[in-house]
């Protein structure tokens, strides 16, 4: 699954367009490497987003099979580090 689609699917960001803009701006890193919007995400990858107030890191636990997941199921797909 693409990194921008994964960020929106697991409710890290609200909309996919926001996720695409973040990736294009160069603030999203996958395993320490600056990501492109088409970067594929796999289980076990570490995703870091550098916000103005600091960075947040996430670990990919699962890849969703649907477009979005319920917010109550977020812990099954992503772990905040």
N, C-alpha and C. Protein backbone atom coordinates (compact mmCIF):
# COMPACT_ATOMS: atom_id res chain seq x y z
N UNK A 1 0.85 -1.18 0.00
CA UNK A 1 0.00 0.00 0.00
C UNK A 1 0.90 1.24 0.00
N UNK A 2 0.47 2.25 -0.72
CA UNK A 2 1.24 3.50 -0.80
C UNK A 2 1.24 4.21 0.55
N UNK A 3 2.32 4.94 0.84
CA UNK A 3 2.46 5.58 2.14
C UNK A 3 1.38 6.63 2.37
N UNK A 4 1.02 7.40 1.35
CA UNK A 4 -0.02 8.42 1.53
C UNK A 4 -1.38 7.78 1.79
N UNK A 5 -1.67 6.69 1.11
CA UNK A 5 -2.93 5.98 1.31
C UNK A 5 -2.97 5.33 2.70
N UNK A 6 -1.84 4.77 3.14
CA UNK A 6 -1.78 4.13 4.47
C UNK A 6 -2.01 5.16 5.57
N UNK A 7 -1.39 6.34 5.46
CA UNK A 7 -1.54 7.38 6.48
C UNK A 7 -3.01 7.78 6.66
N UNK A 8 -3.74 7.88 5.56
CA UNK A 8 -5.15 8.26 5.67
C UNK A 8 -6.03 7.07 6.07
N UNK A 9 -5.69 5.87 5.63
CA UNK A 9 -6.51 4.70 5.93
C UNK A 9 -6.52 4.36 7.42
N UNK A 10 -5.38 4.53 8.09
CA UNK A 10 -5.29 4.16 9.50
C UNK A 10 -5.50 5.36 10.42
N UNK A 11 -6.04 6.44 9.87
CA UNK A 11 -6.43 7.63 10.63
C UNK A 11 -5.27 8.36 11.29
N UNK A 12 -4.09 8.34 10.68
CA UNK A 12 -2.98 9.17 11.17
C UNK A 12 -3.22 10.62 10.73
N UNK A 13 -3.67 10.80 9.49
CA UNK A 13 -4.10 12.11 8.99
C UNK A 13 -5.54 11.97 8.51
N UNK A 14 -6.25 13.10 8.44
CA UNK A 14 -7.68 13.05 8.15
C UNK A 14 -8.00 12.75 6.69
N UNK A 15 -7.23 13.32 5.77
CA UNK A 15 -7.54 13.15 4.35
C UNK A 15 -6.30 12.73 3.57
N UNK A 16 -6.54 11.99 2.49
CA UNK A 16 -5.42 11.52 1.67
C UNK A 16 -4.70 12.69 1.00
N UNK A 17 -5.43 13.72 0.61
CA UNK A 17 -4.77 14.87 -0.02
C UNK A 17 -3.81 15.53 0.95
N UNK A 18 -4.17 15.57 2.24
CA UNK A 18 -3.26 16.12 3.25
C UNK A 18 -2.02 15.24 3.35
N UNK A 19 -2.21 13.93 3.32
CA UNK A 19 -1.08 13.00 3.38
C UNK A 19 -0.18 13.18 2.15
N UNK A 20 -0.77 13.34 0.99
CA UNK A 20 0.02 13.56 -0.23
C UNK A 20 0.83 14.83 -0.14
N UNK A 21 0.22 15.91 0.37
CA UNK A 21 0.93 17.18 0.52
C UNK A 21 2.09 17.05 1.51
N UNK A 22 1.87 16.31 2.60
CA UNK A 22 2.93 16.11 3.59
C UNK A 22 4.11 15.36 2.98
N UNK A 23 3.82 14.33 2.20
CA UNK A 23 4.88 13.55 1.57
C UNK A 23 5.63 14.40 0.56
N UNK A 24 4.90 15.17 -0.25
CA UNK A 24 5.53 16.03 -1.25
C UNK A 24 6.38 17.12 -0.61
N UNK A 25 5.98 17.57 0.59
CA UNK A 25 6.74 18.60 1.30
C UNK A 25 8.01 18.06 1.92
N UNK A 26 8.16 16.75 1.98
CA UNK A 26 9.38 16.15 2.51
C UNK A 26 9.41 15.99 4.01
N UNK A 27 8.26 15.90 4.66
CA UNK A 27 8.24 15.75 6.12
C UNK A 27 7.92 14.32 6.55
N UNK A 28 7.73 13.41 5.59
CA UNK A 28 7.42 12.01 5.90
C UNK A 28 8.63 11.15 5.54
N UNK A 29 9.06 10.34 6.50
CA UNK A 29 10.21 9.46 6.31
C UNK A 29 9.79 8.02 6.59
N UNK A 30 10.22 7.09 5.73
CA UNK A 30 9.96 5.67 5.94
C UNK A 30 11.32 5.01 6.18
N UNK A 31 11.48 4.45 7.37
CA UNK A 31 12.74 3.83 7.78
C UNK A 31 13.92 4.79 7.65
N UNK A 32 13.70 6.06 7.98
CA UNK A 32 14.76 7.07 7.96
C UNK A 32 15.05 7.68 6.61
N UNK A 33 14.34 7.27 5.57
CA UNK A 33 14.56 7.79 4.22
C UNK A 33 13.35 8.61 3.81
N UNK A 34 13.61 9.81 3.25
CA UNK A 34 12.52 10.67 2.81
C UNK A 34 11.67 9.93 1.79
N UNK A 35 10.36 9.92 2.02
CA UNK A 35 9.44 9.13 1.20
C UNK A 35 8.89 9.93 0.04
N UNK A 36 8.58 9.22 -1.05
CA UNK A 36 7.83 9.76 -2.18
C UNK A 36 6.40 9.26 -2.03
N UNK A 37 5.41 9.94 -2.64
CA UNK A 37 4.01 9.50 -2.48
C UNK A 37 3.77 8.05 -2.91
N UNK A 38 4.54 7.54 -3.83
CA UNK A 38 4.32 6.19 -4.34
C UNK A 38 5.07 5.12 -3.54
N UNK A 39 5.77 5.52 -2.48
CA UNK A 39 6.55 4.58 -1.67
C UNK A 39 5.62 3.52 -1.06
N UNK A 40 5.98 2.25 -1.24
CA UNK A 40 5.19 1.15 -0.68
C UNK A 40 5.54 0.96 0.79
N UNK A 41 4.51 0.72 1.60
CA UNK A 41 4.68 0.50 3.04
C UNK A 41 4.45 -0.98 3.32
N UNK A 42 5.32 -1.57 4.14
CA UNK A 42 5.21 -2.97 4.51
C UNK A 42 5.11 -3.09 6.03
N UNK A 43 4.66 -4.24 6.50
CA UNK A 43 4.56 -4.50 7.94
C UNK A 43 5.96 -4.41 8.54
N UNK A 44 6.07 -3.69 9.65
CA UNK A 44 7.35 -3.52 10.33
C UNK A 44 8.07 -2.23 9.99
N UNK A 45 7.61 -1.51 8.96
CA UNK A 45 8.24 -0.23 8.61
C UNK A 45 7.99 0.80 9.70
N UNK A 46 8.93 1.71 9.86
CA UNK A 46 8.79 2.81 10.81
C UNK A 46 8.61 4.09 10.01
N UNK A 47 7.51 4.79 10.28
CA UNK A 47 7.18 6.02 9.57
C UNK A 47 7.30 7.19 10.54
N UNK A 48 8.05 8.20 10.14
CA UNK A 48 8.25 9.39 10.96
C UNK A 48 7.69 10.59 10.22
N UNK A 49 6.91 11.39 10.94
CA UNK A 49 6.36 12.64 10.39
C UNK A 49 6.94 13.77 11.21
N UNK A 50 7.61 14.71 10.55
CA UNK A 50 8.21 15.84 11.24
C UNK A 50 7.26 17.04 11.20
N UNK A 51 6.56 17.24 12.33
CA UNK A 51 5.68 18.40 12.47
C UNK A 51 6.51 19.59 12.94
N UNK A 52 5.92 20.78 12.93
CA UNK A 52 6.63 21.97 13.40
C UNK A 52 6.97 21.87 14.89
N UNK A 53 6.10 21.23 15.67
CA UNK A 53 6.32 21.12 17.11
C UNK A 53 7.14 19.90 17.49
N UNK A 54 7.57 19.10 16.54
CA UNK A 54 8.34 17.90 16.83
C UNK A 54 7.93 16.75 15.93
N UNK A 55 8.67 15.68 16.04
CA UNK A 55 8.43 14.52 15.17
C UNK A 55 7.59 13.47 15.90
N UNK A 56 6.78 12.75 15.12
CA UNK A 56 6.02 11.61 15.63
C UNK A 56 6.41 10.40 14.81
N UNK A 57 6.61 9.29 15.49
CA UNK A 57 6.98 8.05 14.81
C UNK A 57 5.89 7.00 14.99
N UNK A 58 5.70 6.21 13.95
CA UNK A 58 4.69 5.16 13.96
C UNK A 58 5.31 3.89 13.39
N UNK A 59 4.83 2.74 13.87
CA UNK A 59 5.24 1.46 13.32
C UNK A 59 4.04 0.80 12.66
N UNK A 60 4.25 0.26 11.46
CA UNK A 60 3.19 -0.41 10.71
C UNK A 60 3.02 -1.82 11.27
N UNK A 61 1.84 -2.11 11.82
CA UNK A 61 1.55 -3.44 12.35
C UNK A 61 0.80 -4.31 11.35
N UNK A 62 -0.10 -3.69 10.59
CA UNK A 62 -0.88 -4.39 9.57
C UNK A 62 -1.15 -3.43 8.42
N UNK A 63 -1.47 -4.02 7.27
CA UNK A 63 -1.89 -3.23 6.11
C UNK A 63 -3.41 -3.42 5.99
N UNK A 64 -4.19 -2.32 6.04
CA UNK A 64 -5.65 -2.48 5.93
C UNK A 64 -6.06 -2.98 4.55
N UNK A 65 -7.13 -3.76 4.52
CA UNK A 65 -7.64 -4.28 3.25
C UNK A 65 -8.77 -3.41 2.71
N UNK A 66 -9.29 -2.50 3.55
CA UNK A 66 -10.37 -1.62 3.12
C UNK A 66 -9.84 -0.19 3.03
N UNK A 67 -10.66 0.70 2.48
CA UNK A 67 -10.25 2.09 2.29
C UNK A 67 -9.99 2.79 3.62
N UNK A 68 -10.85 2.56 4.59
CA UNK A 68 -10.66 3.14 5.92
C UNK A 68 -10.97 2.09 6.97
N UNK A 69 -10.45 2.32 8.17
CA UNK A 69 -10.72 1.42 9.28
C UNK A 69 -11.43 2.20 10.37
N UNK A 70 -12.16 1.53 11.25
CA UNK A 70 -12.78 2.25 12.37
C UNK A 70 -11.70 2.80 13.30
N UNK A 71 -11.96 3.96 13.88
CA UNK A 71 -10.98 4.55 14.79
C UNK A 71 -10.69 3.66 15.98
N UNK A 72 -11.67 2.85 16.38
CA UNK A 72 -11.48 1.95 17.51
C UNK A 72 -10.49 0.83 17.18
N UNK A 73 -10.27 0.54 15.91
CA UNK A 73 -9.36 -0.53 15.49
C UNK A 73 -7.97 -0.01 15.12
N UNK A 74 -7.70 1.26 15.37
CA UNK A 74 -6.43 1.86 14.97
C UNK A 74 -5.23 1.15 15.58
N UNK A 75 -5.35 0.70 16.84
CA UNK A 75 -4.22 0.06 17.53
C UNK A 75 -3.80 -1.26 16.88
N UNK A 76 -4.68 -1.87 16.09
CA UNK A 76 -4.34 -3.11 15.41
C UNK A 76 -3.44 -2.86 14.20
N UNK A 77 -3.47 -1.64 13.67
CA UNK A 77 -2.76 -1.33 12.43
C UNK A 77 -1.51 -0.48 12.63
N UNK A 78 -1.51 0.34 13.68
CA UNK A 78 -0.39 1.27 13.86
C UNK A 78 -0.06 1.38 15.34
N UNK A 79 1.24 1.51 15.64
CA UNK A 79 1.68 1.71 17.01
C UNK A 79 2.51 2.99 17.04
N UNK A 80 2.13 3.91 17.90
CA UNK A 80 2.88 5.16 18.01
C UNK A 80 4.10 4.93 18.89
N UNK A 81 5.25 5.32 18.40
CA UNK A 81 6.50 5.11 19.13
C UNK A 81 6.91 6.34 19.91
